[in-house]
C-alpha atoms as a PDB file:
ATOM      1  CA  UNK A   1      -7.271   2.590  -5.770  1.00  0.00           C
ATOM      2  CA  UNK A   2      -4.281   4.375  -5.882  1.00  0.00           C
ATOM      3  CA  UNK A   3      -3.396   5.850  -9.577  1.00  0.00           C
ATOM      4  CA  UNK A   4       0.713   5.351  -8.923  1.00  0.00           C
ATOM      5  CA  UNK A   5       0.753   1.919  -7.098  1.00  0.00           C
ATOM      6  CA  UNK A   6      -2.386   0.456  -8.086  1.00  0.00           C
ATOM      7  CA  UNK A   7      -3.335  -0.680  -4.505  1.00  0.00           C
ATOM      8  CA  UNK A   8      -6.232   0.140  -2.716  1.00  0.00           C
ATOM      9  CA  UNK A   9      -5.932   3.376  -0.990  1.00  0.00           C
ATOM     10  CA  UNK A  10      -6.883   1.984   2.531  1.00  0.00           C
ATOM     11  CA  UNK A  11      -4.140  -0.728   2.456  1.00  0.00           C
ATOM     12  CA  UNK A  12      -1.539   2.456   1.733  1.00  0.00           C
ATOM     13  CA  UNK A  13      -3.154   4.004   4.791  1.00  0.00           C
ATOM     14  CA  UNK A  14      -2.660   1.234   6.848  1.00  0.00           C
ATOM     15  CA  UNK A  15       0.869   0.737   5.757  1.00  0.00           C
ATOM     16  CA  UNK A  16       1.461   4.348   6.437  1.00  0.00           C
ATOM     17  CA  UNK A  17       0.082   4.128  10.005  1.00  0.00           C
ATOM     18  CA  UNK A  18       2.238   1.283  10.758  1.00  0.00           C
ATOM     19  CA  UNK A  19       5.349   3.118   9.607  1.00  0.00           C
ATOM     20  CA  UNK A  20       4.318   6.424  11.963  1.00  0.00           C
ATOM     21  CA  UNK A  21       3.712   3.964  14.878  1.00  0.00           C
ATOM     22  CA  UNK A  22       6.485   1.110  15.068  1.00  0.00           C
ATOM     23  CA  UNK A  23       9.493   1.207  16.693  1.00  0.00           C
ATOM     24  CA  UNK A  24      11.912  -0.194  14.266  1.00  0.00           C
ATOM     25  CA  UNK A  25      13.099  -3.535  12.905  1.00  0.00           C
ATOM     26  CA  UNK A  26      12.632  -6.523  15.137  1.00  0.00           C
ATOM     27  CA  UNK A  27      14.273  -9.678  14.884  1.00  0.00           C
ATOM     28  CA  UNK A  28      12.690 -13.388  15.111  1.00  0.00           C
ATOM     29  CA  UNK A  29      13.282 -17.085  15.040  1.00  0.00           C
ATOM     30  CA  UNK A  30      10.353 -18.992  13.365  1.00  0.00           C
ATOM     31  CA  UNK A  31       9.924 -22.092  15.471  1.00  0.00           C
ATOM     32  CA  UNK A  32       8.531 -25.477  14.252  1.00  0.00           C
ATOM     33  CA  UNK A  33       7.348 -27.529  17.244  1.00  0.00           C
ATOM     34  CA  UNK A  34       5.889 -30.385  14.722  1.00  0.00           C
ATOM     35  CA  UNK A  35       7.179 -31.189  11.531  1.00  0.00           C
ATOM     36  CA  UNK A  36       3.876 -31.566   9.667  1.00  0.00           C
ATOM     37  CA  UNK A  37       5.059 -31.813   6.262  1.00  0.00           C
ATOM     38  CA  UNK A  38       8.245 -33.921   7.488  1.00  0.00           C
ATOM     39  CA  UNK A  39      10.523 -31.644   5.539  1.00  0.00           C
ATOM     40  CA  UNK A  40      12.147 -28.750   7.841  1.00  0.00           C
ATOM     41  CA  UNK A  41      12.458 -30.799  11.232  1.00  0.00           C
ATOM     42  CA  UNK A  42      11.861 -29.207  14.785  1.00  0.00           C
ATOM     43  CA  UNK A  43      13.271 -26.088  16.578  1.00  0.00           C
ATOM     44  CA  UNK A  44      14.600 -23.310  14.824  1.00  0.00           C
ATOM     45  CA  UNK A  45      13.955 -23.316  11.059  1.00  0.00           C
ATOM     46  CA  UNK A  46      14.275 -19.766   9.868  1.00  0.00           C
ATOM     47  CA  UNK A  47      15.257 -16.399  10.902  1.00  0.00           C
ATOM     48  CA  UNK A  48      13.559 -13.058  10.049  1.00  0.00           C
ATOM     49  CA  UNK A  49      13.040  -9.450  10.425  1.00  0.00           C
ATOM     50  CA  UNK A  50       9.977  -7.698  10.672  1.00  0.00           C
ATOM     51  CA  UNK A  51      10.595  -4.011   9.181  1.00  0.00           C
ATOM     52  CA  UNK A  52       9.050  -0.904  10.725  1.00  0.00           C
ATOM     53  CA  UNK A  53       6.281  -0.973   7.739  1.00  0.00           C
ATOM     54  CA  UNK A  54       5.145  -4.422   8.632  1.00  0.00           C
ATOM     55  CA  UNK A  55       7.051  -6.158   5.977  1.00  0.00           C
ATOM     56  CA  UNK A  56       8.668  -9.066   6.870  1.00  0.00           C
ATOM     57  CA  UNK A  57      12.083 -10.519   5.583  1.00  0.00           C
ATOM     58  CA  UNK A  58      12.190 -14.529   6.359  1.00  0.00           C
ATOM     59  CA  UNK A  59      15.779 -16.604   5.672  1.00  0.00           C
ATOM     60  CA  UNK A  60      15.355 -20.438   5.530  1.00  0.00           C
ATOM     61  CA  UNK A  61      18.921 -21.940   6.322  1.00  0.00           C
ATOM     62  CA  UNK A  62      19.760 -25.462   5.425  1.00  0.00           C
ATOM     63  CA  UNK A  63      20.610 -27.260   2.255  1.00  0.00           C
ATOM     64  CA  UNK A  64      18.772 -24.752   0.008  1.00  0.00           C
ATOM     65  CA  UNK A  65      18.748 -21.203   1.540  1.00  0.00           C
ATOM     66  CA  UNK A  66      16.140 -19.005   0.454  1.00  0.00           C
ATOM     67  CA  UNK A  67      15.093 -15.548   1.639  1.00  0.00           C
ATOM     68  CA  UNK A  68      11.434 -14.512   0.977  1.00  0.00           C
ATOM     69  CA  UNK A  69       9.677 -11.236   1.544  1.00  0.00           C
ATOM     70  CA  UNK A  70       6.006 -10.820   3.062  1.00  0.00           C
ATOM     71  CA  UNK A  71       4.725  -7.520   2.426  1.00  0.00           C
ATOM     72  CA  UNK A  72       1.440  -8.465   4.121  1.00  0.00           C
ATOM     73  CA  UNK A  73       3.325  -9.183   7.527  1.00  0.00           C
ATOM     74  CA  UNK A  74       3.541 -11.669  10.322  1.00  0.00           C
ATOM     75  CA  UNK A  75      -0.281 -12.710  10.170  1.00  0.00           C
ATOM     76  CA  UNK A  76       0.463 -13.478   6.201  1.00  0.00           C
ATOM     77  CA  UNK A  77       3.691 -15.666   7.187  1.00  0.00           C
ATOM     78  CA  UNK A  78       2.029 -17.462   9.784  1.00  0.00           C
ATOM     79  CA  UNK A  79      -1.429 -18.082   7.727  1.00  0.00           C
ATOM     80  CA  UNK A  80       1.143 -20.005   5.155  1.00  0.00           C
ATOM     81  CA  UNK A  81       3.999 -21.620   7.655  1.00  0.00           C
ATOM     82  CA  UNK A  82       2.179 -21.669  10.877  1.00  0.00           C
ATOM     83  CA  UNK A  83       0.459 -24.906  10.342  1.00  0.00           C
ATOM     84  CA  UNK A  84      -2.060 -24.038  12.661  1.00  0.00           C
ATOM     85  CA  UNK A  85      -0.080 -23.705  15.575  1.00  0.00           C
ATOM     86  CA  UNK A  86       2.662 -25.909  15.023  1.00  0.00           C
ATOM     87  CA  UNK A  87       5.203 -23.214  14.365  1.00  0.00           C
ATOM     88  CA  UNK A  88       5.384 -19.635  16.382  1.00  0.00           C
ATOM     89  CA  UNK A  89       7.278 -16.961  16.364  1.00  0.00           C
ATOM     90  CA  UNK A  90      10.185 -16.130  18.905  1.00  0.00           C
ATOM     91  CA  UNK A  91      10.964 -12.512  19.136  1.00  0.00           C
ATOM     92  CA  UNK A  92      14.716 -11.817  19.777  1.00  0.00           C
ATOM     93  CA  UNK A  93      14.234  -7.855  20.195  1.00  0.00           C
ATOM     94  CA  UNK A  94      11.775  -6.530  22.675  1.00  0.00           C
END
């Protein structure tokens, strides 16, 4: 455990390694192919940025726009919003 952040030391090392190897921020769209919940519809449902440390910022449009931060990255975001493949990431930056 890191004494300053209270996070496991291994997690801190992994984030540091991501910063050292990442090329910079990448933009993406969250594309919903099937609306499992019946709420968000299909097509592009959110816009996002994956930052150089692996953190993801996701912005939902629509009637009640919201911005969320996923510190554990794309995999965590898709675990919640991927709906088992019904929603995917479309990278806008190479």
